[in-house]
């Protein structure tokens, strides 16, 4: 059974990815990308906080500040690398107008 700190970190990273997707938009594939980026960034940020012994805003064994910064950096990097989401198009290939 996973530890409570692992579950807490997983929930925070998932929340970051979902909120980022809510802000920038996109389809289900972009949601999956942002969730993966949030998880990976959170993990890398947590490990970096552990290696550098940064103890600001720790919640139990989770290095929350560095993990949060890592998650958001990974989310912005994923957004930068994938570009803007494609515009909605009609069946004839023209962009929909409102």
C-alpha atoms as a PDB file:
ATOM      1  CA  UNK A   1       0.000   0.000   0.000  1.00  0.00           C
ATOM      2  CA  UNK A   2       1.413   3.435  -0.936  1.00  0.00           C
ATOM      3  CA  UNK A   3       2.404   5.758   1.858  1.00  0.00           C
ATOM      4  CA  UNK A   4       0.268   8.803   2.698  1.00  0.00           C
ATOM      5  CA  UNK A   5       3.043  11.164   1.557  1.00  0.00           C
ATOM      6  CA  UNK A   6       3.160   9.447  -1.851  1.00  0.00           C
ATOM      7  CA  UNK A   7      -0.610   9.771  -2.209  1.00  0.00           C
ATOM      8  CA  UNK A   8      -0.461  13.423  -1.135  1.00  0.00           C
ATOM      9  CA  UNK A   9       2.251  14.185  -3.702  1.00  0.00           C
ATOM     10  CA  UNK A  10       0.349  12.316  -6.403  1.00  0.00           C
ATOM     11  CA  UNK A  11      -2.831  14.278  -5.662  1.00  0.00           C
ATOM     12  CA  UNK A  12      -0.978  17.612  -5.692  1.00  0.00           C
ATOM     13  CA  UNK A  13       0.792  16.832  -8.975  1.00  0.00           C
ATOM     14  CA  UNK A  14      -2.466  15.660 -10.561  1.00  0.00           C
ATOM     15  CA  UNK A  15      -4.200  18.823  -9.376  1.00  0.00           C
ATOM     16  CA  UNK A  16      -1.442  20.986 -10.882  1.00  0.00           C
ATOM     17  CA  UNK A  17      -1.727  19.219 -14.236  1.00  0.00           C
ATOM     18  CA  UNK A  18      -5.524  19.438 -14.272  1.00  0.00           C
ATOM     19  CA  UNK A  19      -5.578  23.130 -13.336  1.00  0.00           C
ATOM     20  CA  UNK A  20      -2.970  23.889 -15.994  1.00  0.00           C
ATOM     21  CA  UNK A  21      -5.101  22.071 -18.574  1.00  0.00           C
ATOM     22  CA  UNK A  22      -8.148  24.027 -17.425  1.00  0.00           C
ATOM     23  CA  UNK A  23      -6.261  27.297 -17.942  1.00  0.00           C
ATOM     24  CA  UNK A  24      -4.618  26.594 -21.323  1.00  0.00           C
ATOM     25  CA  UNK A  25      -7.245  24.226 -22.747  1.00  0.00           C
ATOM     26  CA  UNK A  26      -6.905  21.388 -25.210  1.00  0.00           C
ATOM     27  CA  UNK A  27      -8.183  17.895 -25.826  1.00  0.00           C
ATOM     28  CA  UNK A  28      -7.805  14.688 -23.821  1.00  0.00           C
ATOM     29  CA  UNK A  29      -4.331  13.998 -25.205  1.00  0.00           C
ATOM     30  CA  UNK A  30      -3.109  17.343 -23.909  1.00  0.00           C
ATOM     31  CA  UNK A  31      -4.692  16.576 -20.522  1.00  0.00           C
ATOM     32  CA  UNK A  32      -2.729  13.312 -20.420  1.00  0.00           C
ATOM     33  CA  UNK A  33       0.442  15.180 -21.415  1.00  0.00           C
ATOM     34  CA  UNK A  34      -0.060  17.794 -18.714  1.00  0.00           C
ATOM     35  CA  UNK A  35      -0.761  15.151 -16.081  1.00  0.00           C
ATOM     36  CA  UNK A  36       2.423  13.287 -17.008  1.00  0.00           C
ATOM     37  CA  UNK A  37       4.416  16.531 -17.040  1.00  0.00           C
ATOM     38  CA  UNK A  38       3.009  17.471 -13.628  1.00  0.00           C
ATOM     39  CA  UNK A  39       3.890  14.089 -12.149  1.00  0.00           C
ATOM     40  CA  UNK A  40       7.397  14.043 -13.603  1.00  0.00           C
ATOM     41  CA  UNK A  41       8.111  17.660 -12.667  1.00  0.00           C
ATOM     42  CA  UNK A  42       6.805  17.119  -9.150  1.00  0.00           C
ATOM     43  CA  UNK A  43       9.025  14.062  -8.736  1.00  0.00           C
ATOM     44  CA  UNK A  44      12.118  15.814 -10.098  1.00  0.00           C
ATOM     45  CA  UNK A  45      11.464  18.894  -7.955  1.00  0.00           C
ATOM     46  CA  UNK A  46      11.015  16.754  -4.859  1.00  0.00           C
ATOM     47  CA  UNK A  47      14.259  14.878  -5.532  1.00  0.00           C
ATOM     48  CA  UNK A  48      16.094  18.151  -6.155  1.00  0.00           C
ATOM     49  CA  UNK A  49      14.787  19.520  -2.847  1.00  0.00           C
ATOM     50  CA  UNK A  50      15.941  16.357  -1.111  1.00  0.00           C
ATOM     51  CA  UNK A  51      19.403  16.472  -2.727  1.00  0.00           C
ATOM     52  CA  UNK A  52      19.930  20.174  -1.971  1.00  0.00           C
ATOM     53  CA  UNK A  53      18.348  19.837   1.487  1.00  0.00           C
ATOM     54  CA  UNK A  54      15.837  22.633   0.884  1.00  0.00           C
ATOM     55  CA  UNK A  55      13.361  22.522   3.760  1.00  0.00           C
ATOM     56  CA  UNK A  56      11.057  25.440   2.953  1.00  0.00           C
ATOM     57  CA  UNK A  57       7.331  24.553   3.099  1.00  0.00           C
ATOM     58  CA  UNK A  58       7.920  20.857   3.673  1.00  0.00           C
ATOM     59  CA  UNK A  59       4.816  18.878   4.524  1.00  0.00           C
ATOM     60  CA  UNK A  60       6.025  15.745   6.240  1.00  0.00           C
ATOM     61  CA  UNK A  61       8.655  14.115   4.017  1.00  0.00           C
ATOM     62  CA  UNK A  62       7.383  15.914   0.882  1.00  0.00           C
ATOM     63  CA  UNK A  63       9.493  18.877  -0.277  1.00  0.00           C
ATOM     64  CA  UNK A  64       6.409  20.793  -1.339  1.00  0.00           C
ATOM     65  CA  UNK A  65       7.989  24.057  -2.510  1.00  0.00           C
ATOM     66  CA  UNK A  66      10.619  22.530  -4.773  1.00  0.00           C
ATOM     67  CA  UNK A  67       8.201  19.876  -6.009  1.00  0.00           C
ATOM     68  CA  UNK A  68       5.600  22.518  -6.870  1.00  0.00           C
ATOM     69  CA  UNK A  69       8.153  24.653  -8.700  1.00  0.00           C
ATOM     70  CA  UNK A  70       9.356  21.570 -10.578  1.00  0.00           C
ATOM     71  CA  UNK A  71       5.808  20.630 -11.571  1.00  0.00           C
ATOM     72  CA  UNK A  72       4.964  24.097 -12.893  1.00  0.00           C
ATOM     73  CA  UNK A  73       8.265  24.362 -14.772  1.00  0.00           C
ATOM     74  CA  UNK A  74       7.582  20.997 -16.405  1.00  0.00           C
ATOM     75  CA  UNK A  75       4.037  22.069 -17.284  1.00  0.00           C
ATOM     76  CA  UNK A  76       5.219  25.295 -18.912  1.00  0.00           C
ATOM     77  CA  UNK A  77       7.943  23.378 -20.762  1.00  0.00           C
ATOM     78  CA  UNK A  78       5.359  20.896 -22.065  1.00  0.00           C
ATOM     79  CA  UNK A  79       3.159  23.783 -23.210  1.00  0.00           C
ATOM     80  CA  UNK A  80       6.096  25.499 -24.906  1.00  0.00           C
ATOM     81  CA  UNK A  81       7.255  22.343 -26.660  1.00  0.00           C
ATOM     82  CA  UNK A  82       3.817  21.332 -27.934  1.00  0.00           C
ATOM     83  CA  UNK A  83       2.662  24.767 -29.065  1.00  0.00           C
ATOM     84  CA  UNK A  84      -0.887  26.062 -29.047  1.00  0.00           C
ATOM     85  CA  UNK A  85      -3.793  23.594 -29.240  1.00  0.00           C
ATOM     86  CA  UNK A  86      -5.212  23.242 -32.752  1.00  0.00           C
ATOM     87  CA  UNK A  87      -8.213  25.394 -33.609  1.00  0.00           C
ATOM     88  CA  UNK A  88     -11.619  23.765 -34.068  1.00  0.00           C
ATOM     89  CA  UNK A  89     -12.437  23.208 -37.723  1.00  0.00           C
ATOM     90  CA  UNK A  90     -15.645  22.471 -39.579  1.00  0.00           C
ATOM     91  CA  UNK A  91     -15.968  19.407 -41.801  1.00  0.00           C
ATOM     92  CA  UNK A  92     -14.967  21.489 -44.840  1.00  0.00           C
ATOM     93  CA  UNK A  93     -11.638  22.476 -43.201  1.00  0.00           C
ATOM     94  CA  UNK A  94     -12.543  26.070 -42.351  1.00  0.00           C
ATOM     95  CA  UNK A  95     -12.077  27.447 -38.883  1.00  0.00           C
ATOM     96  CA  UNK A  96     -15.316  27.800 -36.944  1.00  0.00           C
ATOM     97  CA  UNK A  97     -16.482  31.316 -36.280  1.00  0.00           C
ATOM     98  CA  UNK A  98     -18.572  32.393 -33.345  1.00  0.00           C
END
